[in-house]
Amino acid sequence: MARVPLSKIVGAILGGWREDLARVALTLSIPLLLTLWLYTLLRHKTWKGTFPLPPGPRGLPLVGNLPFLRPNLHRCFSEYARTYGPIFNLRLGNKLFIVVSSPSIAKEVYKENDIIFSNHDQPIAAGVVSYNGSNLVRCPYGPTWRMLRRVFVNELLNSRSLDACYGLRRRVVRRMARDLYSKNGAAIDVGEAAFATTLNLLASMLWGGELWWETIGTEFRRAVVETVELMGRRNISDFFPFLARFDLQGVEREIKERVSWLDRVYEALIEERARLDGAEEEEGGEKGEERKDLLSILLRIRNDGDAAEVPLTDANLKGLIMDLMVGGTNTISTTVEWIMAELMHRPDIDQRARQELAAVVGGPDTAVEESHIPRLKYLRAVIKEVLRLHPVVPLLVPRVPSEPCVLSGGYLIPAGARVVTNVWAIHTDPGLWDSPAEFRPERFLNEGSGAEFRYFPFGAGLRRCAGLPLVERMLPLVVATLLHAFEWRVPEGVELDLCERPRITLTKERPVLAIPIPRFSNPDIYG
C-alpha cells in the first residue's frame, strides 16, 4: 500500500486549513505532537477528579472537534445541545471549551459565580486590538479593570455626558438624512450608511470632530472594518498556542498592520488635543472652562493619575478609544441592517412602526428627536425582537474561570477552560419562546414577562457591555429617522434575504441595498 504523506492527512482532516496545516506538519515532528496529545489526556483526567466534565462529542487525536465545526457556530452548537444537553464540552485543538445553552446555567455563570467567570478569553487578534489586555473588554478582572470600568461608565458614558452630546447625535443623524435625501433614487448600502453615521458620531464625541476627520474618515472606516473582520477570522494559533510564533495564517501580522495605523491616528489626535487643551487653559487662566469631548476627559484623568490608586496609562487610554470606535460602530450598524431587512420583509410590521412614528413624531414639519424615543414602544419592541433573532455576538465573548467551579448537575468547569454562552440558542429556544423562529415584536410589549436570562443580547454580570447606554440612545434615533423620513424600495433585480454571514458577529451575508424615497416635501426635515 502506498504511503500517504502526513501533510495530506492533516490537511484533509481540517478542510479549509489544508495549506496552513500542511506547513504545520512540515514544521513539527510526530514525537512532539504525540507528547502534547498525551499531556493533554493526562491533564484532562486530573481535571475530572471527583466531578465529571459535561458530556460532549468525541473528537480526533490532536485536533479534537475542530474538523466537525461548521461556519455558523451558533447553529452548530445549538444542534450539539439537542444531542448532549444544555451544557457540553468540546475540545478544539488543545483547548477545552464549555458551551452553555440554557438560562438556568447562564444564571450560574453570570450571576451566582460571576467573580469566578469574570475574565474574558483573549485570542491573538484581540490581544493586539486591546493593547495586550489594556482595554475594558479584554482587561483581566482586578483593580485595573475596575478603574477602566469606572472611567468608561461614570466619566465617559454617564447620563450627564450623554445628555451633553445630544446636539452631536442630532447633527450627525440629520447629516445622514440629508445625504440620503441627495441620492435622488440611487440605491444605498443601509449598513454602510449606519456604520458611517455611527463612526462620525463617535469621532465627534471623542475629539470634537474638527481634528482631521474630513481627511482621514474614509481610511479610518476601512481600517475599523478590516480590524473587525480579522478579529472574527478563525485562527489556528488560538487553538494550538505552540504554533503562535509561526503565525501561519498571517492573522497577527495583518491585524498588527491595521492597529498600527489606528495607533498612529490616536497618538496624533491625543497630542493635538493635549496641545489645544493646554493653549485654552493658558488663555482662560487656571480656572478656564474644561472641554467636554471624551478625549479631553480621558486626558484629564490620565494627567491626574499620580493621585489615583490605579493610574490610567497611555495604553489604557488608547484601549478605551478602541472599545468605542470598534465596538460601537459594529454593534449599531449591524443591528440597523438587520432591522431594515426584517421590516422590508414584513410590510405589516413596517406599517405599524410607521403609524406609531406618525402619531408620536408628527407629520411633514417634524423630525425625530430623542425625546420621542421613550414613547415609541412598538419600535423599541422591533429592535428587541431583532436582537433576539440576530444578536450581534451570538456566542458571547468566552469567559475563563479563575478557579475550578462545579455547576448544577455536578459538572466541573476547570480553571482556564473557555466558557461560551450560546445566547442565540437561548433566544430561539421553543421551551422559552412561543414560535421562536417568527419575527413578532409584540412579544416584547409586555416587558415584565419571561424567565431570567432568557434574553440578554449584550451579556450580563460584571462584564456586560459597558457601551449599552450609548447604543440605547443612538440605535433607536437612527432607525426612527430612517423610517420616518423615507420609504425604502428594493432595487429591481436585487434579492433581499435574511441569510447570515459566518463570522464571530452575526452580520448579513449580503448587504441590504435599498432606495430611500423621501416621504416629505419639506427639505428642512432632511437637515
Protein backbone atom coordinates (compact mmCIF):
# COMPACT_ATOMS: atom_id res chain seq x y z
CA MET A 1 0.00 0.00 0.00
CA ALA A 2 1.37 3.41 -0.96
CA ARG A 3 2.28 5.71 1.89
CA VAL A 4 0.24 8.91 2.19
CA PRO A 5 2.20 11.99 3.24
CA LEU A 6 1.38 13.30 6.70
CA SER A 7 0.70 16.77 5.32
CA LYS A 8 -2.14 15.42 3.15
CA ILE A 9 -3.70 13.54 6.07
CA VAL A 10 -3.68 16.59 8.31
CA GLY A 11 -4.89 18.84 5.51
CA ALA A 12 -7.81 16.53 4.70
CA ILE A 13 -8.85 16.49 8.36
CA LEU A 14 -9.05 20.25 8.69
CA GLY A 15 -10.57 21.09 5.32
CA GLY A 16 -10.24 24.83 4.74
CA TRP A 17 -6.95 24.99 6.58
CA ARG A 18 -5.26 22.42 4.31
CA GLU A 19 -2.34 24.57 3.19
CA ASP A 20 -1.71 26.01 6.64
CA LEU A 21 -1.76 22.63 8.33
CA ALA A 22 0.50 21.16 5.68
CA ARG A 23 3.11 23.67 6.77
CA VAL A 24 2.45 22.65 10.38
CA ALA A 25 3.15 19.02 9.53
CA LEU A 26 6.42 20.01 7.94
CA THR A 27 7.35 22.17 10.92
CA LEU A 28 6.55 19.76 13.74
CA SER A 29 7.77 16.27 14.45
CA ILE A 30 5.49 13.33 15.23
CA PRO A 31 7.09 12.75 18.67
CA LEU A 32 6.32 16.32 19.70
CA LEU A 33 2.69 16.01 18.64
CA LEU A 34 2.27 12.71 20.45
CA THR A 35 3.84 14.16 23.59
CA LEU A 36 1.45 17.07 23.55
CA TRP A 37 -1.51 14.77 22.99
CA LEU A 38 -0.55 12.52 25.91
CA TYR A 39 -0.04 15.56 28.11
CA THR A 40 -3.50 16.84 27.21
CA LEU A 41 -5.12 13.49 28.01
CA LEU A 42 -3.36 13.28 31.38
CA ARG A 43 -4.30 16.83 32.26
CA HIS A 44 -7.89 16.09 31.21
CA LYS A 45 -8.04 13.22 33.69
CA THR A 46 -6.63 15.31 36.54
CA TRP A 47 -9.31 17.91 35.83
CA LYS A 48 -12.05 15.38 36.27
CA GLY A 49 -11.22 14.38 39.84
CA THR A 50 -14.42 13.72 41.74
CA PHE A 51 -16.68 15.57 39.29
CA PRO A 52 -17.01 14.84 35.59
CA LEU A 53 -16.79 17.29 32.75
CA PRO A 54 -20.04 18.00 30.92
CA PRO A 55 -20.79 15.47 28.18
CA GLY A 56 -19.73 16.13 24.62
CA PRO A 57 -18.87 14.58 21.26
CA ARG A 58 -15.73 12.53 20.87
CA GLY A 59 -13.02 14.18 18.84
CA LEU A 60 -9.94 13.13 16.94
CA PRO A 61 -6.44 12.97 18.40
CA LEU A 62 -4.65 16.35 18.44
CA VAL A 63 -7.34 18.35 16.66
CA GLY A 64 -10.31 17.33 18.82
CA ASN A 65 -13.66 18.51 17.42
CA LEU A 66 -12.24 21.18 15.10
CA PRO A 67 -12.83 19.25 11.85
CA PHE A 68 -16.54 18.86 12.63
CA LEU A 69 -17.40 22.53 13.22
CA ARG A 70 -19.48 24.30 10.59
CA PRO A 71 -19.10 28.01 9.82
CA ASN A 72 -22.23 29.22 11.65
CA LEU A 73 -21.07 28.12 15.10
CA HIS A 74 -24.17 29.31 16.97
CA ARG A 75 -26.34 26.98 14.89
CA CYS A 76 -23.78 24.17 15.03
CA PHE A 77 -23.59 24.43 18.83
CA SER A 78 -27.38 24.54 19.06
CA GLU A 79 -27.53 21.16 17.28
CA TYR A 80 -24.92 19.75 19.66
CA ALA A 81 -27.03 20.94 22.59
CA ARG A 82 -30.01 18.95 21.31
CA THR A 83 -27.85 15.83 21.50
CA TYR A 84 -25.69 16.42 24.59
CA GLY A 85 -27.82 18.78 26.66
CA PRO A 86 -27.72 22.48 27.66
CA ILE A 87 -24.08 22.24 28.76
CA PHE A 88 -21.48 20.25 26.84
CA ASN A 89 -17.76 20.24 26.20
CA LEU A 90 -15.73 20.46 23.02
CA ARG A 91 -12.00 20.08 22.61
CA LEU A 92 -10.77 22.45 19.93
CA GLY A 93 -7.10 21.79 19.38
CA ASN A 94 -5.59 21.61 22.83
CA LYS A 95 -8.13 23.95 24.44
CA LEU A 96 -11.26 22.93 26.31
CA PHE A 97 -14.50 24.78 25.54
CA ILE A 98 -17.68 24.51 27.61
CA VAL A 99 -20.83 25.61 25.78
CA VAL A 100 -23.87 26.82 27.76
CA SER A 101 -27.33 26.96 26.17
CA SER A 102 -29.87 27.43 28.98
CA PRO A 103 -30.99 30.36 31.18
CA SER A 104 -30.52 28.44 34.44
CA ILE A 105 -26.88 27.58 33.72
CA ALA A 106 -26.24 31.07 32.34
CA LYS A 107 -27.53 32.44 35.64
CA GLU A 108 -24.96 30.32 37.50
CA VAL A 109 -22.17 31.68 35.31
CA TYR A 110 -23.17 35.36 35.10
CA LYS A 111 -24.78 35.89 38.50
CA GLU A 112 -24.10 33.25 41.11
CA ASN A 113 -20.42 32.73 40.18
CA ASP A 114 -19.80 36.00 38.35
CA ILE A 115 -16.46 36.73 40.03
CA ILE A 116 -15.04 33.31 39.13
CA PHE A 117 -16.13 33.75 35.50
CA SER A 118 -15.16 37.43 35.28
CA ASN A 119 -12.21 37.09 32.88
CA HIS A 120 -12.59 37.19 29.12
CA ASP A 121 -10.73 34.97 26.70
CA GLN A 122 -8.02 36.79 24.76
CA PRO A 123 -7.29 35.34 21.33
CA ILE A 124 -4.23 36.62 19.49
CA ALA A 125 -6.11 39.18 17.38
CA ALA A 126 -7.98 40.50 20.42
CA GLY A 127 -4.70 40.85 22.28
CA VAL A 128 -3.36 43.11 19.55
CA VAL A 129 -6.52 45.24 19.37
CA SER A 130 -6.71 45.56 23.16
CA TYR A 131 -3.09 46.66 23.56
CA ASN A 132 -2.36 43.39 25.31
CA GLY A 133 -5.40 43.49 27.57
CA SER A 134 -5.28 47.21 28.34
CA ASN A 135 -8.83 48.00 27.24
CA LEU A 136 -12.08 47.41 29.10
CA VAL A 137 -13.26 44.40 27.09
CA ARG A 138 -10.14 42.26 27.48
CA CYS A 139 -8.54 43.55 30.67
CA PRO A 140 -8.27 40.83 33.37
CA TYR A 141 -10.61 41.32 36.30
CA GLY A 142 -8.92 43.24 39.08
CA PRO A 143 -8.01 46.81 40.15
CA THR A 144 -7.11 47.97 36.63
CA TRP A 145 -10.35 46.64 35.16
CA ARG A 146 -12.38 48.28 37.93
CA MET A 147 -10.63 51.59 37.20
CA LEU A 148 -11.37 51.27 33.46
CA ARG A 149 -14.99 50.36 34.12
CA ARG A 150 -15.36 53.36 36.43
CA VAL A 151 -13.85 55.70 33.83
CA PHE A 152 -15.94 54.29 30.98
CA VAL A 153 -19.27 54.20 32.82
CA ASN A 154 -19.01 57.07 35.31
CA GLU A 155 -16.99 59.56 33.25
CA LEU A 156 -17.46 58.86 29.54
CA LEU A 157 -20.97 57.42 29.21
CA ASN A 158 -22.82 58.70 32.24
CA SER A 159 -26.20 60.38 31.76
CA ARG A 160 -24.73 63.87 32.07
CA SER A 161 -22.12 63.24 29.36
CA LEU A 162 -24.64 61.61 27.04
CA ASP A 163 -27.11 64.45 27.54
CA ALA A 164 -24.37 66.95 26.74
CA CYS A 165 -23.65 65.11 23.48
CA TYR A 166 -27.25 65.14 22.26
CA GLY A 167 -26.54 68.05 19.94
CA LEU A 168 -23.80 66.00 18.29
CA ARG A 169 -26.07 62.96 17.86
CA ARG A 170 -28.80 65.16 16.42
CA ARG A 171 -26.44 66.84 13.97
CA VAL A 172 -24.87 63.59 12.77
CA VAL A 173 -28.24 61.85 12.26
CA ARG A 174 -29.58 64.90 10.39
CA ARG A 175 -26.50 64.79 8.17
CA MET A 176 -27.28 61.13 7.43
CA ALA A 177 -30.83 62.09 6.42
CA ARG A 178 -29.52 64.92 4.24
CA ASP A 179 -27.06 62.62 2.49
CA LEU A 180 -29.80 60.05 1.82
CA TYR A 181 -32.14 62.80 0.57
CA SER A 182 -29.50 63.80 -2.02
CA LYS A 183 -29.26 60.30 -3.52
CA ASN A 184 -32.10 61.02 -5.98
CA GLY A 185 -33.37 57.47 -6.30
CA ALA A 186 -29.99 55.72 -6.15
CA ALA A 187 -29.63 52.51 -4.15
CA ILE A 188 -27.55 52.73 -0.98
CA ASP A 189 -25.96 50.19 1.34
CA VAL A 190 -28.01 50.60 4.52
CA GLY A 191 -25.42 49.01 6.80
CA GLU A 192 -22.66 51.18 5.36
CA ALA A 193 -24.73 54.32 5.88
CA ALA A 194 -25.40 53.32 9.51
CA PHE A 195 -21.72 52.49 10.02
CA ALA A 196 -20.57 55.85 8.65
CA THR A 197 -23.15 57.68 10.78
CA THR A 198 -22.10 55.89 13.96
CA LEU A 199 -18.41 56.40 13.25
CA ASN A 200 -18.97 60.12 12.60
CA LEU A 201 -20.86 60.40 15.87
CA LEU A 202 -18.19 58.63 17.92
CA ALA A 203 -15.46 60.72 16.30
CA SER A 204 -17.37 63.88 17.19
CA MET A 205 -17.91 62.71 20.77
CA LEU A 206 -14.27 61.73 21.19
CA TRP A 207 -12.39 64.68 19.77
CA GLY A 208 -14.95 67.21 18.66
CA GLY A 209 -14.92 66.12 15.03
CA GLU A 210 -12.77 69.01 13.88
CA LEU A 211 -9.44 67.21 14.16
CA TRP A 212 -8.56 65.90 10.67
CA TRP A 213 -11.78 63.86 10.43
CA GLU A 214 -12.67 65.10 6.98
CA THR A 215 -9.32 63.87 5.63
CA ILE A 216 -8.97 60.54 7.48
CA GLY A 217 -12.60 59.46 7.85
CA THR A 218 -12.75 57.10 4.86
CA GLU A 219 -9.43 55.42 5.60
CA PHE A 220 -10.26 55.18 9.29
CA ARG A 221 -13.55 53.47 8.45
CA ARG A 222 -11.74 50.96 6.24
CA ALA A 223 -9.23 50.19 9.00
CA VAL A 224 -12.00 49.59 11.54
CA VAL A 225 -13.94 47.30 9.18
CA GLU A 226 -10.84 45.25 8.38
CA THR A 227 -9.94 45.03 12.08
CA VAL A 228 -13.38 43.61 12.92
CA GLU A 229 -13.06 41.12 10.04
CA LEU A 230 -9.67 39.90 11.26
CA MET A 231 -10.92 39.53 14.83
CA GLY A 232 -13.63 37.21 13.53
CA ARG A 233 -11.30 35.05 11.46
CA ARG A 234 -10.69 31.59 12.91
CA ASN A 235 -7.01 31.42 13.77
CA ILE A 236 -5.17 28.09 14.08
CA SER A 237 -2.74 29.62 16.56
CA ASP A 238 -5.57 30.25 19.05
CA PHE A 239 -6.29 26.52 19.22
CA PHE A 240 -2.65 25.42 19.11
CA PRO A 241 -0.74 28.08 21.09
CA PHE A 242 2.60 26.43 20.35
CA LEU A 243 2.06 27.49 16.72
CA ALA A 244 1.61 31.17 17.57
CA ARG A 245 5.22 32.02 16.79
CA PHE A 246 4.72 30.90 13.16
CA ASP A 247 1.52 32.97 12.51
CA LEU A 248 0.67 30.50 9.75
CA GLN A 249 -2.42 32.35 8.51
CA GLY A 250 -0.92 35.81 8.85
CA VAL A 251 -3.72 36.98 11.17
CA GLU A 252 -1.38 38.52 13.73
CA ARG A 253 0.69 40.26 11.08
CA GLU A 254 -2.35 41.68 9.29
CA ILE A 255 -4.13 42.92 12.39
CA LYS A 256 -0.93 44.50 13.70
CA GLU A 257 -0.75 46.49 10.47
CA ARG A 258 -4.29 47.83 10.95
CA VAL A 259 -3.86 48.53 14.65
CA SER A 260 -0.51 50.21 13.99
CA TRP A 261 -2.22 52.61 11.59
CA LEU A 262 -5.03 53.29 14.05
CA ASP A 263 -2.50 53.75 16.83
CA ARG A 264 -0.69 56.45 14.85
CA VAL A 265 -4.01 58.26 14.38
CA TYR A 266 -4.76 58.01 18.11
CA GLU A 267 -1.29 59.27 19.02
CA ALA A 268 -1.60 62.27 16.70
CA LEU A 269 -5.09 63.10 17.96
CA ILE A 270 -4.03 62.77 21.59
CA GLU A 271 -1.03 65.03 21.00
CA GLU A 272 -3.14 67.62 19.18
CA ARG A 273 -5.92 67.58 21.78
CA ALA A 274 -3.37 67.94 24.61
CA ARG A 275 -1.84 70.93 22.80
CA LEU A 276 -5.22 72.61 22.28
CA ASP A 277 -6.32 71.94 25.85
CA GLY A 278 -3.07 73.44 27.13
CA ALA A 279 -3.49 76.53 24.97
CA GLU A 280 -7.10 77.01 26.07
CA GLU A 281 -6.14 76.64 29.72
CA GLU A 282 -3.49 79.34 29.34
CA GLU A 283 -5.93 81.69 27.63
CA GLY A 284 -8.68 81.08 30.19
CA GLY A 285 -6.45 81.01 33.22
CA GLU A 286 -6.18 78.19 35.72
CA LYS A 287 -9.97 78.12 36.14
CA GLY A 288 -10.78 78.14 32.46
CA GLU A 289 -13.74 76.04 31.34
CA GLU A 290 -12.85 72.38 30.67
CA ARG A 291 -13.64 70.89 27.28
CA LYS A 292 -16.42 68.30 27.29
CA ASP A 293 -15.29 65.98 24.48
CA LEU A 294 -14.41 62.49 25.69
CA LEU A 295 -10.74 62.68 24.74
CA SER A 296 -10.27 65.76 26.92
CA ILE A 297 -11.92 63.90 29.80
CA LEU A 298 -9.58 60.94 29.30
CA LEU A 299 -6.51 63.20 29.15
CA ARG A 300 -7.55 64.95 32.36
CA ILE A 301 -7.92 61.59 34.12
CA ARG A 302 -4.56 60.42 32.75
CA ASN A 303 -2.81 63.62 33.84
CA ASP A 304 -4.28 63.34 37.33
CA GLY A 305 -3.10 59.73 37.55
CA ASP A 306 -0.37 60.33 40.11
CA ALA A 307 -3.03 60.79 42.79
CA ALA A 308 -5.01 57.70 41.75
CA GLU A 309 -4.64 54.24 43.24
CA VAL A 310 -4.54 52.78 39.72
CA PRO A 311 -3.47 55.34 37.09
CA LEU A 312 -4.83 55.47 33.55
CA THR A 313 -1.90 54.65 31.27
CA ASP A 314 -1.47 55.66 27.63
CA ALA A 315 -2.24 52.06 26.63
CA ASN A 316 -5.44 52.15 28.71
CA LEU A 317 -6.44 55.44 27.13
CA LYS A 318 -5.99 54.14 23.58
CA GLY A 319 -7.65 50.87 24.55
CA LEU A 320 -10.78 52.73 25.66
CA ILE A 321 -10.82 54.66 22.38
CA MET A 322 -10.59 51.33 20.55
CA ASP A 323 -13.51 49.96 22.61
CA LEU A 324 -15.68 52.85 21.49
CA MET A 325 -14.64 53.09 17.86
CA VAL A 326 -14.53 49.38 17.02
CA GLY A 327 -17.21 48.00 19.34
CA GLY A 328 -19.73 50.83 18.99
CA THR A 329 -19.68 51.09 15.20
CA ASN A 330 -20.03 47.36 14.62
CA THR A 331 -22.87 46.89 17.13
CA ILE A 332 -25.08 49.71 15.88
CA SER A 333 -24.53 49.31 12.13
CA THR A 334 -25.07 45.54 12.21
CA THR A 335 -28.32 45.90 14.16
CA VAL A 336 -29.63 48.69 11.91
CA GLU A 337 -29.04 46.50 8.86
CA TRP A 338 -30.98 43.56 10.38
CA ILE A 339 -33.83 45.87 11.46
CA MET A 340 -34.25 47.29 7.98
CA ALA A 341 -34.04 43.82 6.39
CA GLU A 342 -36.72 42.42 8.71
CA LEU A 343 -39.04 45.40 8.19
CA MET A 344 -38.69 45.23 4.42
CA HIS A 345 -39.60 41.54 4.64
CA ARG A 346 -42.65 42.27 6.81
CA PRO A 347 -44.66 45.20 5.39
CA ASP A 348 -47.33 44.78 8.08
CA ILE A 349 -44.80 45.32 10.87
CA ASP A 350 -43.16 48.15 8.96
CA GLN A 351 -46.54 49.84 8.57
CA ARG A 352 -47.37 49.56 12.26
CA ALA A 353 -43.99 51.07 13.19
CA ARG A 354 -44.61 53.97 10.79
CA GLN A 355 -48.09 54.58 12.18
CA GLU A 356 -46.62 54.85 15.67
CA LEU A 357 -43.98 57.29 14.38
CA ALA A 358 -46.67 59.43 12.76
CA ALA A 359 -48.68 59.50 15.99
CA VAL A 360 -45.70 60.32 18.22
CA VAL A 361 -43.42 62.43 16.00
CA GLY A 362 -45.99 64.11 13.79
CA GLY A 363 -46.19 64.99 10.13
CA PRO A 364 -44.03 66.57 7.47
CA ASP A 365 -42.80 69.50 9.57
CA THR A 366 -41.32 67.45 12.43
CA ALA A 367 -38.10 65.47 12.58
CA VAL A 368 -37.44 62.67 15.05
CA GLU A 369 -35.92 63.81 18.35
CA GLU A 370 -34.55 61.74 21.21
CA SER A 371 -37.43 62.97 23.36
CA HIS A 372 -39.77 60.93 21.13
CA ILE A 373 -37.96 57.62 21.71
CA PRO A 374 -39.48 56.65 25.12
CA ARG A 375 -42.98 56.85 23.56
CA LEU A 376 -42.07 54.67 20.56
CA LYS A 377 -42.90 51.44 22.36
CA TYR A 378 -43.55 49.36 19.27
CA LEU A 379 -40.36 50.49 17.55
CA ARG A 380 -38.37 49.59 20.65
CA ALA A 381 -40.07 46.18 20.61
CA VAL A 382 -38.98 45.78 16.97
CA ILE A 383 -35.38 46.50 18.00
CA LYS A 384 -35.56 43.96 20.83
CA GLU A 385 -37.02 41.32 18.54
CA VAL A 386 -34.20 41.87 16.05
CA LEU A 387 -31.62 41.47 18.84
CA ARG A 388 -33.38 38.30 19.94
CA LEU A 389 -33.14 36.68 16.50
CA HIS A 390 -29.91 38.36 15.41
CA PRO A 391 -27.76 39.16 18.46
CA VAL A 392 -24.60 40.94 17.33
CA VAL A 393 -22.39 38.41 19.14
CA PRO A 394 -24.46 35.17 19.15
CA LEU A 395 -21.76 33.37 21.15
CA LEU A 396 -20.94 35.86 23.89
CA VAL A 397 -17.27 36.61 24.48
CA PRO A 398 -15.93 33.44 26.17
CA ARG A 399 -15.38 33.62 29.93
CA VAL A 400 -12.33 31.99 31.50
CA PRO A 401 -12.86 30.80 35.11
CA SER A 402 -10.09 31.77 37.51
CA GLU A 403 -10.61 28.61 39.57
CA PRO A 404 -12.44 25.29 39.14
CA CYS A 405 -16.19 25.58 39.58
CA VAL A 406 -18.91 22.93 39.82
CA LEU A 407 -22.20 23.90 38.19
CA SER A 408 -25.64 22.32 38.53
CA GLY A 409 -25.74 18.69 37.55
CA GLY A 410 -22.37 18.18 39.21
CA TYR A 411 -20.32 19.18 36.15
CA LEU A 412 -16.82 20.52 36.67
CA ILE A 413 -15.69 23.62 34.80
CA PRO A 414 -11.89 23.60 35.08
CA ALA A 415 -9.91 26.78 35.62
CA GLY A 416 -8.68 28.06 32.27
CA ALA A 417 -11.47 26.47 30.21
CA ARG A 418 -13.31 28.71 27.74
CA VAL A 419 -16.99 29.05 28.68
CA VAL A 420 -19.11 30.05 25.69
CA THR A 421 -22.74 31.09 26.11
CA ASN A 422 -24.87 30.47 23.02
CA VAL A 423 -27.22 33.37 23.60
CA TRP A 424 -28.76 32.82 20.14
CA ALA A 425 -29.81 29.30 21.17
CA ILE A 426 -31.40 30.66 24.35
CA HIS A 427 -33.18 33.40 22.39
CA THR A 428 -34.65 30.83 19.99
CA ASP A 429 -35.42 28.03 22.45
CA PRO A 430 -39.03 26.81 21.86
CA GLY A 431 -39.23 25.96 25.55
CA LEU A 432 -38.77 29.64 26.37
CA TRP A 433 -40.43 31.43 23.45
CA ASP A 434 -43.68 30.91 21.60
CA SER A 435 -42.96 30.34 17.87
CA PRO A 436 -39.33 31.45 18.33
CA ALA A 437 -38.46 31.44 14.61
CA GLU A 438 -41.16 34.04 13.83
CA PHE A 439 -40.42 37.75 13.85
CA ARG A 440 -43.03 39.02 16.33
CA PRO A 441 -42.20 42.31 18.10
CA GLU A 442 -45.47 42.08 20.03
CA ARG A 443 -43.85 39.60 22.39
CA PHE A 444 -41.82 42.47 23.89
CA LEU A 445 -44.71 44.85 24.51
CA ASN A 446 -45.20 43.15 27.87
CA GLU A 447 -41.63 43.74 29.04
CA GLY A 448 -42.12 42.32 32.52
CA SER A 449 -42.76 38.76 31.36
CA GLY A 450 -40.28 35.97 30.91
CA ALA A 451 -37.73 33.97 32.87
CA GLU A 452 -34.47 35.48 34.00
CA PHE A 453 -31.62 35.11 31.49
CA ARG A 454 -33.93 34.23 28.62
CA TYR A 455 -32.95 37.45 26.82
CA PHE A 456 -29.54 39.13 27.22
CA PRO A 457 -28.05 40.06 23.83
CA PHE A 458 -25.40 42.30 25.41
CA GLY A 459 -24.23 39.84 28.04
CA ALA A 460 -24.76 40.00 31.77
CA GLY A 461 -22.96 40.39 35.05
CA LEU A 462 -19.77 42.32 35.63
CA ARG A 463 -18.64 42.10 32.01
CA ARG A 464 -21.93 43.19 30.47
CA CYS A 465 -21.45 45.56 27.51
CA ALA A 466 -20.45 48.87 29.09
CA GLY A 467 -21.37 50.81 25.96
CA LEU A 468 -25.05 49.88 26.19
CA PRO A 469 -26.20 53.37 27.35
CA LEU A 470 -24.85 54.87 24.12
CA VAL A 471 -26.37 52.09 21.99
CA GLU A 472 -29.75 52.63 23.65
CA ARG A 473 -29.70 56.30 22.68
CA MET A 474 -28.16 56.09 19.23
CA LEU A 475 -29.80 52.98 17.75
CA PRO A 476 -33.49 54.00 18.10
CA LEU A 477 -32.71 57.51 16.85
CA VAL A 478 -31.08 56.22 13.66
CA VAL A 479 -33.81 53.64 12.96
CA ALA A 480 -36.66 56.05 13.71
CA THR A 481 -35.14 58.64 11.37
CA LEU A 482 -34.72 56.12 8.55
CA LEU A 483 -38.35 55.02 8.86
CA HIS A 484 -39.96 58.41 9.47
CA ALA A 485 -38.16 60.32 6.72
CA PHE A 486 -38.04 57.70 3.95
CA GLU A 487 -39.84 54.89 2.23
CA TRP A 488 -37.49 52.07 1.25
CA ARG A 489 -37.68 50.25 -2.07
CA VAL A 490 -35.65 47.22 -3.13
CA PRO A 491 -33.94 47.92 -6.49
CA GLU A 492 -35.11 45.92 -9.46
CA GLY A 493 -33.17 42.70 -9.82
CA VAL A 494 -31.89 42.77 -6.23
CA GLU A 495 -32.89 39.90 -3.94
CA LEU A 496 -33.45 40.72 -0.29
CA ASP A 497 -32.79 37.83 2.06
CA LEU A 498 -32.12 37.11 5.73
CA CYS A 499 -29.04 34.91 5.27
CA GLU A 500 -26.26 35.13 7.86
CA ARG A 501 -22.58 35.56 7.26
CA PRO A 502 -20.49 33.03 9.22
CA ARG A 503 -18.38 35.28 11.42
CA ILE A 504 -17.90 35.94 15.14
CA THR A 505 -20.51 38.70 14.73
CA LEU A 506 -23.91 37.91 13.27
CA THR A 507 -23.88 40.04 10.13
CA LYS A 508 -25.89 39.64 6.95
CA GLU A 509 -24.30 37.64 4.18
CA ARG A 510 -25.41 40.17 1.58
CA PRO A 511 -25.69 43.88 2.38
CA VAL A 512 -29.11 45.47 2.41
CA LEU A 513 -29.33 47.54 -0.77
CA ALA A 514 -32.36 49.82 -0.93
CA ILE A 515 -33.52 53.08 -2.50
CA PRO A 516 -34.53 55.80 0.02
CA ILE A 517 -37.65 57.64 -1.18
CA PRO A 518 -38.21 60.91 0.75
CA ARG A 519 -41.64 60.92 2.39
CA PHE A 520 -41.95 64.67 2.90
CA SER A 521 -41.58 67.66 0.62
CA ASN A 522 -40.21 69.89 3.37
CA PRO A 523 -36.40 69.80 2.91
CA ASP A 524 -35.83 71.07 6.46
CA ILE A 525 -36.69 67.57 7.73
CA TYR A 526 -33.58 66.35 5.93
CA GLY A 527 -31.10 68.57 7.67
